[in-house]
Amino acid sequence: MSSIVTVQDVVTAFADWIEPTDAELDTIEQEMPLILADVDLIDAQIIALDHTPNELDTRRTRRALARVLTERATLANRTATASLPGGAA
């Protein structure tokens, strides 16, 4: 029977030189407000699952969802404007 350590060495052997590129890091940085808004929405949903949702939970979830939608629209608009070379004549 082969040891799992040898498999782990093969899987992680290339991990030292595989790193995100500068472009990938820039994309992550641009998407960070949306990621944080998604985390807040998930947190609000988890809190509401812990007990019978009340008015505060409903408002918290609605506010978090509104923030997610706003961040998605902002990111989509930023991406759409950045990806259009030149301009319409």
PDB file of N, CA and C in Angstrom:
ATOM      1  N   MET A   1       0.850  -1.174   0.000  1.00  0.00           N
ATOM      2  CA  MET A   1       0.000   0.000   0.000  1.00  0.00           C
ATOM      3  C   MET A   1       0.894   1.234   0.000  1.00  0.00           C
ATOM      4  N   SER A   2       0.603   2.165  -0.882  1.00  0.00           N
ATOM      5  CA  SER A   2       1.426   3.373  -0.963  1.00  0.00           C
ATOM      6  C   SER A   2       1.016   4.362   0.121  1.00  0.00           C
ATOM      7  N   SER A   3       1.971   5.110   0.536  1.00  0.00           N
ATOM      8  CA  SER A   3       1.733   6.088   1.596  1.00  0.00           C
ATOM      9  C   SER A   3       1.096   7.340   1.024  1.00  0.00           C
ATOM     10  N   ILE A   4       0.218   7.961   1.790  1.00  0.00           N
ATOM     11  CA  ILE A   4      -0.444   9.198   1.369  1.00  0.00           C
ATOM     12  C   ILE A   4       0.552  10.355   1.308  1.00  0.00           C
ATOM     13  N   VAL A   5       1.648  10.254   2.036  1.00  0.00           N
ATOM     14  CA  VAL A   5       2.650  11.309   2.046  1.00  0.00           C
ATOM     15  C   VAL A   5       3.256  11.475   0.661  1.00  0.00           C
ATOM     16  N   THR A   6       3.512  10.368  -0.047  1.00  0.00           N
ATOM     17  CA  THR A   6       4.083  10.485  -1.385  1.00  0.00           C
ATOM     18  C   THR A   6       3.100  11.174  -2.326  1.00  0.00           C
ATOM     19  N   VAL A   7       1.811  10.902  -2.175  1.00  0.00           N
ATOM     20  CA  VAL A   7       0.814  11.570  -2.997  1.00  0.00           C
ATOM     21  C   VAL A   7       0.764  13.050  -2.654  1.00  0.00           C
ATOM     22  N   GLN A   8       0.836  13.371  -1.370  1.00  0.00           N
ATOM     23  CA  GLN A   8       0.805  14.765  -0.953  1.00  0.00           C
ATOM     24  C   GLN A   8       2.006  15.520  -1.512  1.00  0.00           C
ATOM     25  N   ASP A   9       3.185  14.873  -1.510  1.00  0.00           N
ATOM     26  CA  ASP A   9       4.368  15.524  -2.054  1.00  0.00           C
ATOM     27  C   ASP A   9       4.194  15.837  -3.535  1.00  0.00           C
ATOM     28  N   VAL A  10       3.574  14.934  -4.268  1.00  0.00           N
ATOM     29  CA  VAL A  10       3.360  15.159  -5.693  1.00  0.00           C
ATOM     30  C   VAL A  10       2.364  16.289  -5.905  1.00  0.00           C
ATOM     31  N   VAL A  11       1.302  16.316  -5.119  1.00  0.00           N
ATOM     32  CA  VAL A  11       0.270  17.335  -5.282  1.00  0.00           C
ATOM     33  C   VAL A  11       0.803  18.716  -4.932  1.00  0.00           C
ATOM     34  N   THR A  12       1.573  18.823  -3.873  1.00  0.00           N
ATOM     35  CA  THR A  12       2.047  20.131  -3.416  1.00  0.00           C
ATOM     36  C   THR A  12       3.452  20.465  -3.888  1.00  0.00           C
ATOM     37  N   ALA A  13       4.004  19.646  -4.758  1.00  0.00           N
ATOM     38  CA  ALA A  13       5.383  19.883  -5.191  1.00  0.00           C
ATOM     39  C   ALA A  13       5.524  21.199  -5.944  1.00  0.00           C
ATOM     40  N   PHE A  14       4.505  21.608  -6.672  1.00  0.00           N
ATOM     41  CA  PHE A  14       4.594  22.811  -7.472  1.00  0.00           C
ATOM     42  C   PHE A  14       3.973  24.029  -6.795  1.00  0.00           C
ATOM     43  N   ALA A  15       3.552  23.905  -5.566  1.00  0.00           N
ATOM     44  CA  ALA A  15       2.843  24.987  -4.888  1.00  0.00           C
ATOM     45  C   ALA A  15       3.728  26.209  -4.645  1.00  0.00           C
ATOM     46  N   ASP A  16       5.051  26.028  -4.555  1.00  0.00           N
ATOM     47  CA  ASP A  16       5.932  27.158  -4.257  1.00  0.00           C
ATOM     48  C   ASP A  16       5.984  28.175  -5.389  1.00  0.00           C
ATOM     49  N   TRP A  17       5.864  27.733  -6.619  1.00  0.00           N
ATOM     50  CA  TRP A  17       5.989  28.681  -7.718  1.00  0.00           C
ATOM     51  C   TRP A  17       4.649  29.055  -8.356  1.00  0.00           C
ATOM     52  N   ILE A  18       3.575  28.463  -7.912  1.00  0.00           N
ATOM     53  CA  ILE A  18       2.264  28.834  -8.430  1.00  0.00           C
ATOM     54  C   ILE A  18       1.691  29.923  -7.528  1.00  0.00           C
ATOM     55  N   GLU A  19       1.729  31.130  -8.021  1.00  0.00           N
ATOM     56  CA  GLU A  19       1.196  32.266  -7.274  1.00  0.00           C
ATOM     57  C   GLU A  19       0.340  33.096  -8.208  1.00  0.00           C
ATOM     58  N   PRO A  20      -0.611  33.854  -7.653  1.00  0.00           N
ATOM     59  CA  PRO A  20      -1.452  34.680  -8.524  1.00  0.00           C
ATOM     60  C   PRO A  20      -0.627  35.772  -9.210  1.00  0.00           C
ATOM     61  N   THR A  21      -1.029  36.067 -10.421  1.00  0.00           N
ATOM     62  CA  THR A  21      -0.353  37.133 -11.159  1.00  0.00           C
ATOM     63  C   THR A  21      -0.815  38.485 -10.636  1.00  0.00           C
ATOM     64  N   ASP A  22      -0.124  39.527 -11.075  1.00  0.00           N
ATOM     65  CA  ASP A  22      -0.523  40.872 -10.667  1.00  0.00           C
ATOM     66  C   ASP A  22      -1.922  41.208 -11.164  1.00  0.00           C
ATOM     67  N   ALA A  23      -2.254  40.741 -12.360  1.00  0.00           N
ATOM     68  CA  ALA A  23      -3.596  41.000 -12.907  1.00  0.00           C
ATOM     69  C   ALA A  23      -4.668  40.307 -12.068  1.00  0.00           C
ATOM     70  N   GLU A  24      -4.389  39.084 -11.634  1.00  0.00           N
ATOM     71  CA  GLU A  24      -5.356  38.369 -10.788  1.00  0.00           C
ATOM     72  C   GLU A  24      -5.516  39.056  -9.438  1.00  0.00           C
ATOM     73  N   LEU A  25      -4.423  39.523  -8.871  1.00  0.00           N
ATOM     74  CA  LEU A  25      -4.499  40.239  -7.598  1.00  0.00           C
ATOM     75  C   LEU A  25      -5.267  41.554  -7.746  1.00  0.00           C
ATOM     76  N   ASP A  26      -5.085  42.238  -8.864  1.00  0.00           N
ATOM     77  CA  ASP A  26      -5.837  43.471  -9.109  1.00  0.00           C
ATOM     78  C   ASP A  26      -7.328  43.187  -9.241  1.00  0.00           C
ATOM     79  N   THR A  27      -7.665  42.083  -9.909  1.00  0.00           N
ATOM     80  CA  THR A  27      -9.070  41.706 -10.051  1.00  0.00           C
ATOM     81  C   THR A  27      -9.689  41.379  -8.701  1.00  0.00           C
ATOM     82  N   ILE A  28      -8.960  40.662  -7.873  1.00  0.00           N
ATOM     83  CA  ILE A  28      -9.452  40.338  -6.528  1.00  0.00           C
ATOM     84  C   ILE A  28      -9.659  41.616  -5.725  1.00  0.00           C
ATOM     85  N   GLU A  29      -8.717  42.542  -5.849  1.00  0.00           N
ATOM     86  CA  GLU A  29      -8.840  43.806  -5.123  1.00  0.00           C
ATOM     87  C   GLU A  29     -10.059  44.600  -5.590  1.00  0.00           C
ATOM     88  N   GLN A  30     -10.339  44.576  -6.894  1.00  0.00           N
ATOM     89  CA  GLN A  30     -11.522  45.277  -7.409  1.00  0.00           C
ATOM     90  C   GLN A  30     -12.808  44.618  -6.934  1.00  0.00           C
ATOM     91  N   GLU A  31     -12.788  43.288  -6.777  1.00  0.00           N
ATOM     92  CA  GLU A  31     -13.987  42.561  -6.363  1.00  0.00           C
ATOM     93  C   GLU A  31     -14.155  42.488  -4.843  1.00  0.00           C
ATOM     94  N   MET A  32     -13.191  42.972  -4.086  1.00  0.00           N
ATOM     95  CA  MET A  32     -13.238  42.860  -2.631  1.00  0.00           C
ATOM     96  C   MET A  32     -14.478  43.493  -2.000  1.00  0.00           C
ATOM     97  N   PRO A  33     -14.959  44.666  -2.427  1.00  0.00           N
ATOM     98  CA  PRO A  33     -16.192  45.192  -1.826  1.00  0.00           C
ATOM     99  C   PRO A  33     -17.381  44.242  -2.013  1.00  0.00           C
ATOM    100  N   LEU A  34     -17.470  43.609  -3.171  1.00  0.00           N
ATOM    101  CA  LEU A  34     -18.546  42.642  -3.409  1.00  0.00           C
ATOM    102  C   LEU A  34     -18.365  41.406  -2.539  1.00  0.00           C
ATOM    103  N   ILE A  35     -17.150  40.944  -2.395  1.00  0.00           N
ATOM    104  CA  ILE A  35     -16.883  39.774  -1.555  1.00  0.00           C
ATOM    105  C   ILE A  35     -17.276  40.058  -0.108  1.00  0.00           C
ATOM    106  N   LEU A  36     -16.899  41.228   0.388  1.00  0.00           N
ATOM    107  CA  LEU A  36     -17.245  41.597   1.764  1.00  0.00           C
ATOM    108  C   LEU A  36     -18.749  41.765   1.946  1.00  0.00           C
ATOM    109  N   ALA A  37     -19.422  42.305   0.925  1.00  0.00           N
ATOM    110  CA  ALA A  37     -20.878  42.448   0.999  1.00  0.00           C
ATOM    111  C   ALA A  37     -21.548  41.068   1.022  1.00  0.00           C
ATOM    112  N   ASP A  38     -21.011  40.122   0.234  1.00  0.00           N
ATOM    113  CA  ASP A  38     -21.543  38.755   0.254  1.00  0.00           C
ATOM    114  C   ASP A  38     -21.353  38.102   1.626  1.00  0.00           C
ATOM    115  N   VAL A  39     -20.212  38.357   2.234  1.00  0.00           N
ATOM    116  CA  VAL A  39     -19.952  37.808   3.569  1.00  0.00           C
ATOM    117  C   VAL A  39     -20.946  38.373   4.579  1.00  0.00           C
ATOM    118  N   ASP A  40     -21.216  39.677   4.496  1.00  0.00           N
ATOM    119  CA  ASP A  40     -22.193  40.298   5.394  1.00  0.00           C
ATOM    120  C   ASP A  40     -23.585  39.711   5.192  1.00  0.00           C
ATOM    121  N   LEU A  41     -23.955  39.454   3.937  1.00  0.00           N
ATOM    122  CA  LEU A  41     -25.259  38.851   3.660  1.00  0.00           C
ATOM    123  C   LEU A  41     -25.339  37.441   4.239  1.00  0.00           C
ATOM    124  N   ILE A  42     -24.294  36.669   4.068  1.00  0.00           N
ATOM    125  CA  ILE A  42     -24.279  35.307   4.625  1.00  0.00           C
ATOM    126  C   ILE A  42     -24.350  35.357   6.145  1.00  0.00           C
ATOM    127  N   ASP A  43     -23.624  36.292   6.755  1.00  0.00           N
ATOM    128  CA  ASP A  43     -23.681  36.444   8.213  1.00  0.00           C
ATOM    129  C   ASP A  43     -25.098  36.780   8.677  1.00  0.00           C
ATOM    130  N   ALA A  44     -25.759  37.678   7.972  1.00  0.00           N
ATOM    131  CA  ALA A  44     -27.132  38.051   8.340  1.00  0.00           C
ATOM    132  C   ALA A  44     -28.077  36.867   8.192  1.00  0.00           C
ATOM    133  N   GLN A  45     -27.878  36.073   7.149  1.00  0.00           N
ATOM    134  CA  GLN A  45     -28.722  34.897   6.951  1.00  0.00           C
ATOM    135  C   GLN A  45     -28.470  33.839   8.027  1.00  0.00           C
ATOM    136  N   ILE A  46     -27.230  33.670   8.410  1.00  0.00           N
ATOM    137  CA  ILE A  46     -26.902  32.701   9.468  1.00  0.00           C
ATOM    138  C   ILE A  46     -27.517  33.125  10.791  1.00  0.00           C
ATOM    139  N   ILE A  47     -27.438  34.414  11.100  1.00  0.00           N
ATOM    140  CA  ILE A  47     -28.036  34.920  12.339  1.00  0.00           C
ATOM    141  C   ILE A  47     -29.535  34.665  12.334  1.00  0.00           C
ATOM    142  N   ALA A  48     -30.182  34.878  11.175  1.00  0.00           N
ATOM    143  CA  ALA A  48     -31.632  34.658  11.080  1.00  0.00           C
ATOM    144  C   ALA A  48     -31.984  33.181  11.199  1.00  0.00           C
ATOM    145  N   LEU A  49     -31.081  32.292  10.798  1.00  0.00           N
ATOM    146  CA  LEU A  49     -31.345  30.860  10.905  1.00  0.00           C
ATOM    147  C   LEU A  49     -31.234  30.353  12.340  1.00  0.00           C
ATOM    148  N   ASP A  50     -30.494  31.084  13.161  1.00  0.00           N
ATOM    149  CA  ASP A  50     -30.228  30.642  14.529  1.00  0.00           C
ATOM    150  C   ASP A  50     -31.475  30.678  15.404  1.00  0.00           C
ATOM    151  N   HIS A  51     -32.440  31.506  15.068  1.00  0.00           N
ATOM    152  CA  HIS A  51     -33.661  31.628  15.852  1.00  0.00           C
ATOM    153  C   HIS A  51     -34.804  32.063  14.937  1.00  0.00           C
ATOM    154  N   THR A  52     -35.966  32.209  15.486  1.00  0.00           N
ATOM    155  CA  THR A  52     -37.083  32.697  14.681  1.00  0.00           C
ATOM    156  C   THR A  52     -36.783  34.134  14.260  1.00  0.00           C
ATOM    157  N   PRO A  53     -36.755  34.393  12.935  1.00  0.00           N
ATOM    158  CA  PRO A  53     -36.395  35.743  12.478  1.00  0.00           C
ATOM    159  C   PRO A  53     -37.371  36.801  12.993  1.00  0.00           C
ATOM    160  N   ASN A  54     -36.813  37.906  13.444  1.00  0.00           N
ATOM    161  CA  ASN A  54     -37.637  39.025  13.895  1.00  0.00           C
ATOM    162  C   ASN A  54     -37.434  40.199  12.944  1.00  0.00           C
ATOM    163  N   GLU A  55     -38.005  41.336  13.276  1.00  0.00           N
ATOM    164  CA  GLU A  55     -37.929  42.503  12.405  1.00  0.00           C
ATOM    165  C   GLU A  55     -36.487  42.966  12.187  1.00  0.00           C
ATOM    166  N   LEU A  56     -35.673  42.902  13.223  1.00  0.00           N
ATOM    167  CA  LEU A  56     -34.270  43.313  13.100  1.00  0.00           C
ATOM    168  C   LEU A  56     -33.528  42.409  12.121  1.00  0.00           C
ATOM    169  N   ASP A  57     -33.764  41.102  12.208  1.00  0.00           N
ATOM    170  CA  ASP A  57     -33.129  40.158  11.279  1.00  0.00           C
ATOM    171  C   ASP A  57     -33.560  40.432   9.842  1.00  0.00           C
ATOM    172  N   THR A  58     -34.835  40.723   9.665  1.00  0.00           N
ATOM    173  CA  THR A  58     -35.351  41.018   8.330  1.00  0.00           C
ATOM    174  C   THR A  58     -34.700  42.268   7.764  1.00  0.00           C
ATOM    175  N   ARG A  59     -34.588  43.304   8.561  1.00  0.00           N
ATOM    176  CA  ARG A  59     -33.953  44.542   8.109  1.00  0.00           C
ATOM    177  C   ARG A  59     -32.471  44.328   7.808  1.00  0.00           C
ATOM    178  N   ARG A  60     -31.796  43.579   8.685  1.00  0.00           N
ATOM    179  CA  ARG A  60     -30.367  43.310   8.495  1.00  0.00           C
ATOM    180  C   ARG A  60     -30.133  42.552   7.184  1.00  0.00           C
ATOM    181  N   THR A  61     -30.957  41.546   6.929  1.00  0.00           N
ATOM    182  CA  THR A  61     -30.819  40.764   5.707  1.00  0.00           C
ATOM    183  C   THR A  61     -31.137  41.606   4.472  1.00  0.00           C
ATOM    184  N   ARG A  62     -32.206  42.400   4.548  1.00  0.00           N
ATOM    185  CA  ARG A  62     -32.593  43.256   3.427  1.00  0.00           C
ATOM    186  C   ARG A  62     -31.503  44.284   3.130  1.00  0.00           C
ATOM    187  N   ARG A  63     -30.931  44.871   4.170  1.00  0.00           N
ATOM    188  CA  ARG A  63     -29.858  45.855   3.994  1.00  0.00           C
ATOM    189  C   ARG A  63     -28.619  45.209   3.375  1.00  0.00           C
ATOM    190  N   ALA A  64     -28.287  44.006   3.844  1.00  0.00           N
ATOM    191  CA  ALA A  64     -27.121  43.300   3.307  1.00  0.00           C
ATOM    192  C   ALA A  64     -27.349  42.923   1.845  1.00  0.00           C
ATOM    193  N   LEU A  65     -28.550  42.491   1.504  1.00  0.00           N
ATOM    194  CA  LEU A  65     -28.865  42.140   0.121  1.00  0.00           C
ATOM    195  C   LEU A  65     -28.799  43.384  -0.772  1.00  0.00           C
ATOM    196  N   ALA A  66     -29.298  44.506  -0.286  1.00  0.00           N
ATOM    197  CA  ALA A  66     -29.228  45.752  -1.056  1.00  0.00           C
ATOM    198  C   ALA A  66     -27.775  46.143  -1.306  1.00  0.00           C
ATOM    199  N   ARG A  67     -26.924  45.936  -0.311  1.00  0.00           N
ATOM    200  CA  ARG A  67     -25.507  46.264  -0.475  1.00  0.00           C
ATOM    201  C   ARG A  67     -24.852  45.350  -1.508  1.00  0.00           C
ATOM    202  N   VAL A  68     -25.214  44.059  -1.481  1.00  0.00           N
ATOM    203  CA  VAL A  68     -24.673  43.118  -2.467  1.00  0.00           C
ATOM    204  C   VAL A  68     -25.082  43.540  -3.878  1.00  0.00           C
ATOM    205  N   LEU A  69     -26.356  43.870  -4.051  1.00  0.00           N
ATOM    206  CA  LEU A  69     -26.834  44.271  -5.371  1.00  0.00           C
ATOM    207  C   LEU A  69     -26.164  45.558  -5.844  1.00  0.00           C
ATOM    208  N   THR A  70     -25.957  46.503  -4.940  1.00  0.00           N
ATOM    209  CA  THR A  70     -25.282  47.742  -5.284  1.00  0.00           C
ATOM    210  C   THR A  70     -23.847  47.481  -5.715  1.00  0.00           C
ATOM    211  N   GLU A  71     -23.153  46.634  -4.963  1.00  0.00           N
ATOM    212  CA  GLU A  71     -21.756  46.318  -5.296  1.00  0.00           C
ATOM    213  C   GLU A  71     -21.665  45.560  -6.616  1.00  0.00           C
ATOM    214  N   ARG A  72     -22.616  44.658  -6.866  1.00  0.00           N
ATOM    215  CA  ARG A  72     -22.622  43.940  -8.149  1.00  0.00           C
ATOM    216  C   ARG A  72     -22.820  44.905  -9.308  1.00  0.00           C
ATOM    217  N   ALA A  73     -23.749  45.839  -9.160  1.00  0.00           N
ATOM    218  CA  ALA A  73     -23.994  46.816 -10.217  1.00  0.00           C
ATOM    219  C   ALA A  73     -22.766  47.700 -10.431  1.00  0.00           C
ATOM    220  N   THR A  74     -22.143  48.124  -9.352  1.00  0.00           N
ATOM    221  CA  THR A  74     -20.945  48.955  -9.448  1.00  0.00           C
ATOM    222  C   THR A  74     -19.831  48.205 -10.165  1.00  0.00           C
ATOM    223  N   LEU A  75     -19.624  46.958  -9.785  1.00  0.00           N
ATOM    224  CA  LEU A  75     -18.580  46.146 -10.414  1.00  0.00           C
ATOM    225  C   LEU A  75     -18.897  45.897 -11.885  1.00  0.00           C
ATOM    226  N   ALA A  76     -20.146  45.614 -12.198  1.00  0.00           N
ATOM    227  CA  ALA A  76     -20.532  45.373 -13.591  1.00  0.00           C
ATOM    228  C   ALA A  76     -20.339  46.634 -14.426  1.00  0.00           C
ATOM    229  N   ASN A  77     -20.714  47.774 -13.889  1.00  0.00           N
ATOM    230  CA  ASN A  77     -20.530  49.031 -14.613  1.00  0.00           C
ATOM    231  C   ASN A  77     -19.054  49.349 -14.806  1.00  0.00           C
ATOM    232  N   ARG A  78     -18.263  49.108 -13.774  1.00  0.00           N
ATOM    233  CA  ARG A  78     -16.829  49.372 -13.867  1.00  0.00           C
ATOM    234  C   ARG A  78     -16.187  48.442 -14.892  1.00  0.00           C
ATOM    235  N   THR A  79     -16.591  47.181 -14.902  1.00  0.00           N
ATOM    236  CA  THR A  79     -16.044  46.207 -15.831  1.00  0.00           C
ATOM    237  C   THR A  79     -16.473  46.531 -17.260  1.00  0.00           C
ATOM    238  N   ALA A  80     -17.727  46.917 -17.436  1.00  0.00           N
ATOM    239  CA  ALA A  80     -18.230  47.223 -18.772  1.00  0.00           C
ATOM    240  C   ALA A  80     -17.527  48.457 -19.346  1.00  0.00           C
ATOM    241  N   THR A  81     -17.283  49.455 -18.523  1.00  0.00           N
ATOM    242  CA  THR A  81     -16.614  50.663 -19.019  1.00  0.00           C
ATOM    243  C   THR A  81     -15.156  50.387 -19.269  1.00  0.00           C
ATOM    244  N   ALA A  82     -14.532  49.580 -18.451  1.00  0.00           N
ATOM    245  CA  ALA A  82     -13.097  49.311 -18.613  1.00  0.00           C
ATOM    246  C   ALA A  82     -12.825  48.419 -19.815  1.00  0.00           C
ATOM    247  N   SER A  83     -13.773  47.565 -20.190  1.00  0.00           N
ATOM    248  CA  SER A  83     -13.509  46.616 -21.258  1.00  0.00           C
ATOM    249  C   SER A  83     -13.802  47.171 -22.645  1.00  0.00           C
ATOM    250  N   LEU A  84     -14.384  48.366 -22.728  1.00  0.00           N
ATOM    251  CA  LEU A  84     -14.679  48.955 -24.029  1.00  0.00           C
ATOM    252  C   LEU A  84     -13.503  49.794 -24.503  1.00  0.00           C
ATOM    253  N   PRO A  85     -12.773  49.314 -25.502  1.00  0.00           N
ATOM    254  CA  PRO A  85     -11.657  50.110 -26.004  1.00  0.00           C
ATOM    255  C   PRO A  85     -12.173  51.269 -26.840  1.00  0.00           C
ATOM    256  N   GLY A  86     -11.483  52.369 -26.774  1.00  0.00           N
ATOM    257  CA  GLY A  86     -11.864  53.535 -27.566  1.00  0.00           C
ATOM    258  C   GLY A  86     -13.166  54.114 -27.107  1.00  0.00           C
ATOM    259  N   GLY A  87     -14.059  54.303 -28.010  1.00  0.00           N
ATOM    260  CA  GLY A  87     -15.368  54.842 -27.676  1.00  0.00           C
ATOM    261  C   GLY A  87     -16.248  54.799 -28.894  1.00  0.00           C
ATOM    262  N   ALA A  88     -17.494  54.993 -28.665  1.00  0.00           N
ATOM    263  CA  ALA A  88     -18.441  55.002 -29.779  1.00  0.00           C
ATOM    264  C   ALA A  88     -18.275  56.291 -30.545  1.00  0.00           C
ATOM    265  N   ALA A  89     -18.255  56.194 -31.847  1.00  0.00           N
ATOM    266  CA  ALA A  89     -18.058  57.389 -32.682  1.00  0.00           C
ATOM    267  C   ALA A  89     -19.389  57.979 -33.095  1.00  0.00           C
TER     268      ALA A  89
END
